[in-house]
Amino acid sequence: MFAWDPTRPRALVMGIVNVTPDSFADGGRFLDPGAAVRHAHALVAEGADLLDVGAESTRPGAAALPAEVEWTRLRPVLERLLPDLACPISVDTAKPPVAEAALALGAHLVNDVTGLAAGAELARVCARYGAGLALVHMRGTPATMQADPRYDDLLGEVRSRLADAVGVAETAGVAPDAICVDPGIGFGKTVAHNLTLLQRLDVLFSLGKPVLLGPSRKRFIGALLGDLPPAERLEGTLAVCALAARAGVHLLRVHDVGAVRRAVRVAEAIRDGSGGAESPG
């Protein structure tokens, strides 16, 4: 049975493995299974606590992918990673058949960017396997989510939608301590929406679940820095992750594992007043 550790002393770093030709940050680099496996091992060597493997791009404007194509990309990667890596492996999918096939191979949790928008079946799959479930808030679909996103009450709507999804998951049998929530930075949000969510993470903490955050190389960071492309958004990503970790976020889903891990450890040491007593510098 998968469960999050409520006593964890620090934020966990989830490394991203995109087995896709069109993801916004690294599309195509790891589409080849061998390249994806090598990248996964490199992320673990950098200090990833867990990995999130996905085969369908959820960038703004992306079209939906047939389940058969998604699984064809995922299977050879999971078959090689699951026997070799000790860290938990998440599968980034919203499709129950893909999730079931991955969990049957031994995957540990499912990262659903739709937050169970299609209903409870994905949660029932996770429950059957004792798997974890990450519930992400998204307005619309990847194809439509950035078409003029609007909210009457951003914080209230995001919290309410995630609370509803948690209720669906638990009713379907997912263990309460196996669920985490994610505000969906960049998923149907403007720059201002993203900043408000990052400023008010306490709204998510009030749900009583671990909070997952995925700001890595996102468009809002580029916009804040003069429309920088994804490859030049590392420093902005580090700033967001450090502040989020200091605020108490439980998990950070990122591309640049080593750099984020170092930035987060310093932020947590400042927050906790620890780590420097034995050193003169």
Protein backbone atom coordinates (compact mmCIF):
# COMPACT_ATOMS: atom_id res chain seq x y z
CA MET A 1 0.00 0.00 0.00
CA PHE A 2 1.33 3.44 -0.93
CA ALA A 3 1.18 6.21 1.67
CA TRP A 4 2.70 9.64 2.15
CA ASP A 5 4.76 10.08 5.30
CA PRO A 6 3.22 12.90 7.35
CA THR A 7 6.41 13.20 9.42
CA ARG A 8 8.66 13.90 6.44
CA PRO A 9 11.40 16.33 7.46
CA ARG A 10 11.68 18.07 4.11
CA ALA A 11 10.03 18.62 0.75
CA LEU A 12 10.32 15.66 -1.60
CA VAL A 13 11.60 16.27 -5.13
CA MET A 14 9.77 14.52 -7.95
CA GLY A 15 11.80 14.27 -11.16
CA ILE A 16 9.98 14.62 -14.49
CA VAL A 17 10.47 12.05 -17.26
CA ASN A 18 8.58 13.10 -20.39
CA VAL A 19 8.33 10.26 -22.91
CA THR A 20 6.79 12.61 -25.45
CA PRO A 21 7.62 14.39 -28.71
CA ASP A 22 5.90 17.65 -27.76
CA SER A 23 6.16 18.57 -24.06
CA PHE A 24 6.82 22.29 -23.68
CA ALA A 25 10.12 22.03 -21.79
CA ASP A 26 11.93 19.04 -23.30
CA GLY A 27 9.65 17.58 -25.97
CA GLY A 28 11.34 14.85 -27.98
CA ARG A 29 14.56 14.55 -25.97
CA PHE A 30 13.40 11.44 -24.13
CA LEU A 31 10.87 9.92 -26.52
CA ASP A 32 13.26 7.05 -27.19
CA PRO A 33 12.83 4.52 -24.34
CA GLY A 34 16.57 4.17 -23.85
CA ALA A 35 16.99 7.94 -23.54
CA ALA A 36 14.08 8.11 -21.10
CA VAL A 37 15.55 5.35 -18.92
CA ARG A 38 18.99 7.00 -18.87
CA HIS A 39 17.39 10.33 -17.95
CA ALA A 40 15.42 8.70 -15.13
CA HIS A 41 18.58 7.17 -13.67
CA ALA A 42 20.32 10.55 -13.95
CA LEU A 43 17.51 12.26 -12.04
CA VAL A 44 17.74 9.67 -9.27
CA ALA A 45 21.50 10.21 -9.13
CA GLU A 46 20.80 13.95 -8.70
CA GLY A 47 18.66 13.18 -5.68
CA ALA A 48 15.10 12.65 -6.92
CA ASP A 49 12.95 11.12 -4.20
CA LEU A 50 10.46 9.84 -6.76
CA LEU A 51 9.86 10.04 -10.50
CA ASP A 52 6.83 11.05 -12.58
CA VAL A 53 6.79 9.35 -15.98
CA GLY A 54 4.37 10.67 -18.59
CA ALA A 55 3.73 9.88 -22.24
CA GLU A 56 1.06 12.48 -23.10
CA SER A 57 1.89 16.16 -23.24
CA THR A 58 -0.37 18.40 -21.15
CA ARG A 59 1.14 21.67 -22.39
CA PRO A 60 -1.35 24.42 -23.29
CA GLY A 61 -3.00 23.59 -26.62
CA ALA A 62 -2.01 19.93 -26.62
CA ALA A 63 -4.47 17.50 -28.21
CA ALA A 64 -5.60 14.34 -26.42
CA LEU A 65 -3.66 11.15 -27.12
CA PRO A 66 -5.26 7.71 -27.63
CA ALA A 67 -4.67 5.39 -24.69
CA GLU A 68 -3.01 2.81 -26.96
CA VAL A 69 -0.38 5.30 -28.11
CA GLU A 70 0.23 6.53 -24.57
CA TRP A 71 0.76 2.99 -23.28
CA THR A 72 3.01 2.08 -26.22
CA ARG A 73 5.33 4.90 -25.15
CA LEU A 74 5.13 4.16 -21.43
CA ARG A 75 5.44 0.40 -21.31
CA PRO A 76 9.06 -0.10 -22.42
CA VAL A 77 10.21 2.64 -20.05
CA LEU A 78 8.34 1.31 -17.03
CA GLU A 79 9.40 -2.27 -17.74
CA ARG A 80 13.03 -1.20 -17.46
CA LEU A 81 12.72 1.29 -14.60
CA LEU A 82 10.50 -0.52 -12.12
CA PRO A 83 12.85 -3.49 -11.49
CA ASP A 84 15.91 -1.25 -11.24
CA LEU A 85 14.90 1.76 -9.13
CA ALA A 86 14.11 1.77 -5.43
CA CYS A 87 12.29 5.10 -5.49
CA PRO A 88 8.53 5.31 -6.05
CA ILE A 89 7.44 5.81 -9.65
CA SER A 90 4.38 7.84 -10.57
CA VAL A 91 2.57 7.63 -13.90
CA ASP A 92 1.26 10.92 -15.27
CA THR A 93 -2.05 9.88 -16.84
CA ALA A 94 -5.78 10.53 -16.60
CA LYS A 95 -6.80 7.35 -18.42
CA PRO A 96 -7.96 4.39 -16.29
CA PRO A 97 -6.73 1.71 -18.76
CA VAL A 98 -3.25 3.26 -18.88
CA ALA A 99 -3.16 3.64 -15.10
CA GLU A 100 -4.26 0.04 -14.59
CA ALA A 101 -1.61 -1.32 -16.95
CA ALA A 102 1.09 0.75 -15.26
CA LEU A 103 0.03 -0.21 -11.75
CA ALA A 104 -0.12 -3.88 -12.77
CA LEU A 105 3.55 -3.57 -13.75
CA GLY A 106 4.37 -2.18 -10.32
CA ALA A 107 4.02 1.62 -10.55
CA HIS A 108 3.28 3.19 -7.18
CA LEU A 109 1.00 6.14 -7.84
CA VAL A 110 -0.93 8.03 -10.50
CA ASN A 111 -0.65 11.76 -11.18
CA ASP A 112 -4.00 12.88 -12.63
CA VAL A 113 -3.79 16.40 -14.04
CA THR A 114 -7.56 16.43 -14.53
CA GLY A 115 -8.34 15.85 -10.86
CA LEU A 116 -10.84 13.06 -11.62
CA ALA A 117 -12.79 15.31 -13.98
CA ALA A 118 -14.07 12.23 -15.84
CA GLY A 119 -15.39 10.55 -12.70
CA ALA A 120 -14.32 7.96 -10.16
CA GLU A 121 -13.02 5.14 -12.37
CA LEU A 122 -9.38 6.21 -12.17
CA ALA A 123 -9.68 6.39 -8.37
CA ARG A 124 -11.20 2.91 -8.29
CA VAL A 125 -8.23 1.61 -10.27
CA CYS A 126 -5.84 3.18 -7.76
CA ALA A 127 -7.83 1.71 -4.89
CA ARG A 128 -7.64 -1.81 -6.32
CA TYR A 129 -3.85 -1.63 -6.41
CA GLY A 130 -3.36 0.27 -3.15
CA ALA A 131 -1.75 3.06 -5.17
CA GLY A 132 -1.27 6.72 -4.41
CA LEU A 133 -3.18 9.42 -6.29
CA ALA A 134 -2.17 13.01 -7.00
CA LEU A 135 -5.16 15.24 -7.75
CA VAL A 136 -4.42 18.33 -9.84
CA HIS A 137 -6.73 21.29 -10.45
CA MET A 138 -7.23 22.14 -14.10
CA ARG A 139 -9.83 24.37 -15.72
CA GLY A 140 -10.90 22.78 -19.01
CA THR A 141 -8.54 20.51 -20.95
CA PRO A 142 -4.97 21.04 -22.11
CA ALA A 143 -6.37 21.99 -25.52
CA THR A 144 -8.61 24.71 -24.05
CA MET A 145 -7.35 25.57 -20.57
CA GLN A 146 -5.48 28.75 -21.48
CA ALA A 147 -8.27 30.21 -23.61
CA ASP A 148 -9.13 33.21 -21.42
CA PRO A 149 -9.26 31.47 -18.00
CA ARG A 150 -11.56 33.28 -15.55
CA TYR A 151 -12.65 32.71 -11.94
CA ASP A 152 -15.17 34.46 -9.73
CA ASP A 153 -13.29 33.22 -6.64
CA LEU A 154 -9.96 31.68 -7.60
CA LEU A 155 -8.93 30.38 -4.19
CA GLY A 156 -12.40 29.18 -3.25
CA GLU A 157 -12.98 27.45 -6.58
CA VAL A 158 -9.61 25.69 -6.65
CA ARG A 159 -9.97 24.53 -3.05
CA SER A 160 -13.57 23.40 -3.57
CA ARG A 161 -12.76 21.45 -6.71
CA LEU A 162 -9.84 19.69 -5.04
CA ALA A 163 -11.90 18.96 -1.94
CA ASP A 164 -14.57 17.39 -4.14
CA ALA A 165 -11.95 15.29 -5.93
CA VAL A 166 -10.54 14.10 -2.60
CA GLY A 167 -14.04 13.07 -1.57
CA VAL A 168 -14.54 11.12 -4.80
CA ALA A 169 -11.18 9.39 -4.40
CA GLU A 170 -11.79 8.39 -0.79
CA THR A 171 -15.32 7.18 -1.54
CA ALA A 172 -13.83 5.05 -4.34
CA GLY A 173 -11.51 3.41 -1.82
CA VAL A 174 -8.22 5.30 -2.17
CA ALA A 175 -6.57 5.43 1.24
CA PRO A 176 -6.77 8.93 2.77
CA ASP A 177 -3.02 8.95 3.42
CA ALA A 178 -2.29 8.03 -0.22
CA ILE A 179 -3.78 11.24 -1.69
CA CYS A 180 -2.06 14.55 -2.39
CA VAL A 181 -3.39 17.73 -3.99
CA ASP A 182 -1.92 20.13 -6.54
CA PRO A 183 -3.29 23.61 -7.42
CA GLY A 184 -2.34 23.11 -11.06
CA ILE A 185 0.03 25.99 -11.69
CA GLY A 186 -0.32 26.89 -15.37
CA PHE A 187 -3.36 24.67 -15.91
CA GLY A 188 -6.11 27.12 -16.79
CA LYS A 189 -4.55 30.08 -14.97
CA THR A 190 -3.17 33.48 -15.86
CA VAL A 191 0.11 34.80 -14.47
CA ALA A 192 -1.88 36.66 -11.79
CA HIS A 193 -3.81 33.49 -10.89
CA ASN A 194 -0.57 31.53 -10.49
CA LEU A 195 0.96 34.20 -8.27
CA THR A 196 -2.12 34.35 -6.06
CA LEU A 197 -2.10 30.57 -5.60
CA LEU A 198 1.59 30.63 -4.70
CA GLN A 199 1.00 33.44 -2.21
CA ARG A 200 -1.91 31.57 -0.57
CA LEU A 201 -0.72 28.00 -0.28
CA ASP A 202 -2.31 27.96 3.16
CA VAL A 203 -5.66 27.54 1.42
CA LEU A 204 -4.45 24.17 0.11
CA PHE A 205 -2.83 23.12 3.38
CA SER A 206 -6.25 23.48 4.99
CA LEU A 207 -7.41 20.42 3.01
CA GLY A 208 -5.25 18.27 5.28
CA LYS A 209 -3.43 16.53 2.41
CA PRO A 210 0.19 16.76 1.24
CA VAL A 211 0.55 19.52 -1.34
CA LEU A 212 2.29 18.86 -4.65
CA LEU A 213 3.49 21.81 -6.72
CA GLY A 214 4.66 21.74 -10.33
CA PRO A 215 6.06 25.16 -11.30
CA SER A 216 9.07 23.89 -13.23
CA ARG A 217 9.93 26.01 -16.30
CA LYS A 218 6.29 27.12 -16.57
CA ARG A 219 5.19 29.92 -18.86
CA PHE A 220 4.35 32.33 -16.04
CA ILE A 221 8.01 32.29 -14.97
CA GLY A 222 9.07 33.20 -18.50
CA ALA A 223 6.48 35.99 -18.58
CA LEU A 224 7.77 37.47 -15.32
CA LEU A 225 11.30 37.51 -16.74
CA GLY A 226 10.66 39.13 -20.09
CA ASP A 227 9.24 36.20 -22.05
CA LEU A 228 12.19 33.89 -21.55
CA PRO A 229 11.98 30.45 -23.23
CA PRO A 230 11.73 27.26 -21.11
CA ALA A 231 15.48 26.60 -21.25
CA GLU A 232 16.15 29.93 -19.50
CA ARG A 233 13.66 29.59 -16.64
CA LEU A 234 15.85 27.74 -14.13
CA GLU A 235 16.46 30.66 -11.77
CA GLY A 236 12.77 31.49 -11.70
CA THR A 237 11.93 27.88 -11.01
CA LEU A 238 14.43 27.81 -8.13
CA ALA A 239 12.89 30.94 -6.62
CA VAL A 240 9.39 29.45 -6.70
CA CYS A 241 10.53 26.10 -5.31
CA ALA A 242 12.55 27.66 -2.49
CA LEU A 243 9.66 29.86 -1.40
CA ALA A 244 7.19 26.98 -1.69
CA ALA A 245 9.40 24.68 0.38
CA ARG A 246 9.82 27.35 3.03
CA ALA A 247 6.02 27.67 3.12
CA GLY A 248 5.73 23.93 3.76
CA VAL A 249 4.90 22.37 0.39
CA HIS A 250 5.39 18.61 0.59
CA LEU A 251 6.40 17.72 -2.99
CA LEU A 252 7.96 19.60 -5.90
CA ARG A 253 7.63 18.23 -9.44
CA VAL A 254 10.61 19.53 -11.44
CA HIS A 255 12.91 19.00 -14.40
CA ASP A 256 16.12 20.25 -12.72
CA VAL A 257 16.30 17.92 -9.74
CA GLY A 258 19.81 18.63 -8.49
CA ALA A 259 19.52 22.41 -8.59
CA VAL A 260 16.07 22.41 -7.00
CA ARG A 261 17.14 20.02 -4.27
CA ARG A 262 20.04 22.31 -3.30
CA ALA A 263 17.91 25.46 -3.34
CA VAL A 264 15.17 23.81 -1.30
CA ARG A 265 17.56 22.51 1.36
CA VAL A 266 18.87 26.02 1.96
CA ALA A 267 15.35 27.45 2.12
CA GLU A 268 14.31 24.79 4.63
CA ALA A 269 17.42 25.39 6.76
CA ILE A 270 16.53 29.10 6.93
CA ARG A 271 12.94 28.24 7.83
CA ASP A 272 13.94 25.75 10.52
CA GLY A 273 17.05 27.54 11.79
CA SER A 274 19.05 24.35 11.30
CA GLY A 275 22.03 23.03 9.40
CA GLY A 276 24.64 25.60 10.24
CA ALA A 277 25.45 25.23 13.93
CA GLU A 278 28.33 22.87 13.35
CA SER A 279 29.92 24.97 10.63
CA PRO A 280 31.84 28.25 11.00
CA GLY A 281 30.69 29.42 7.55
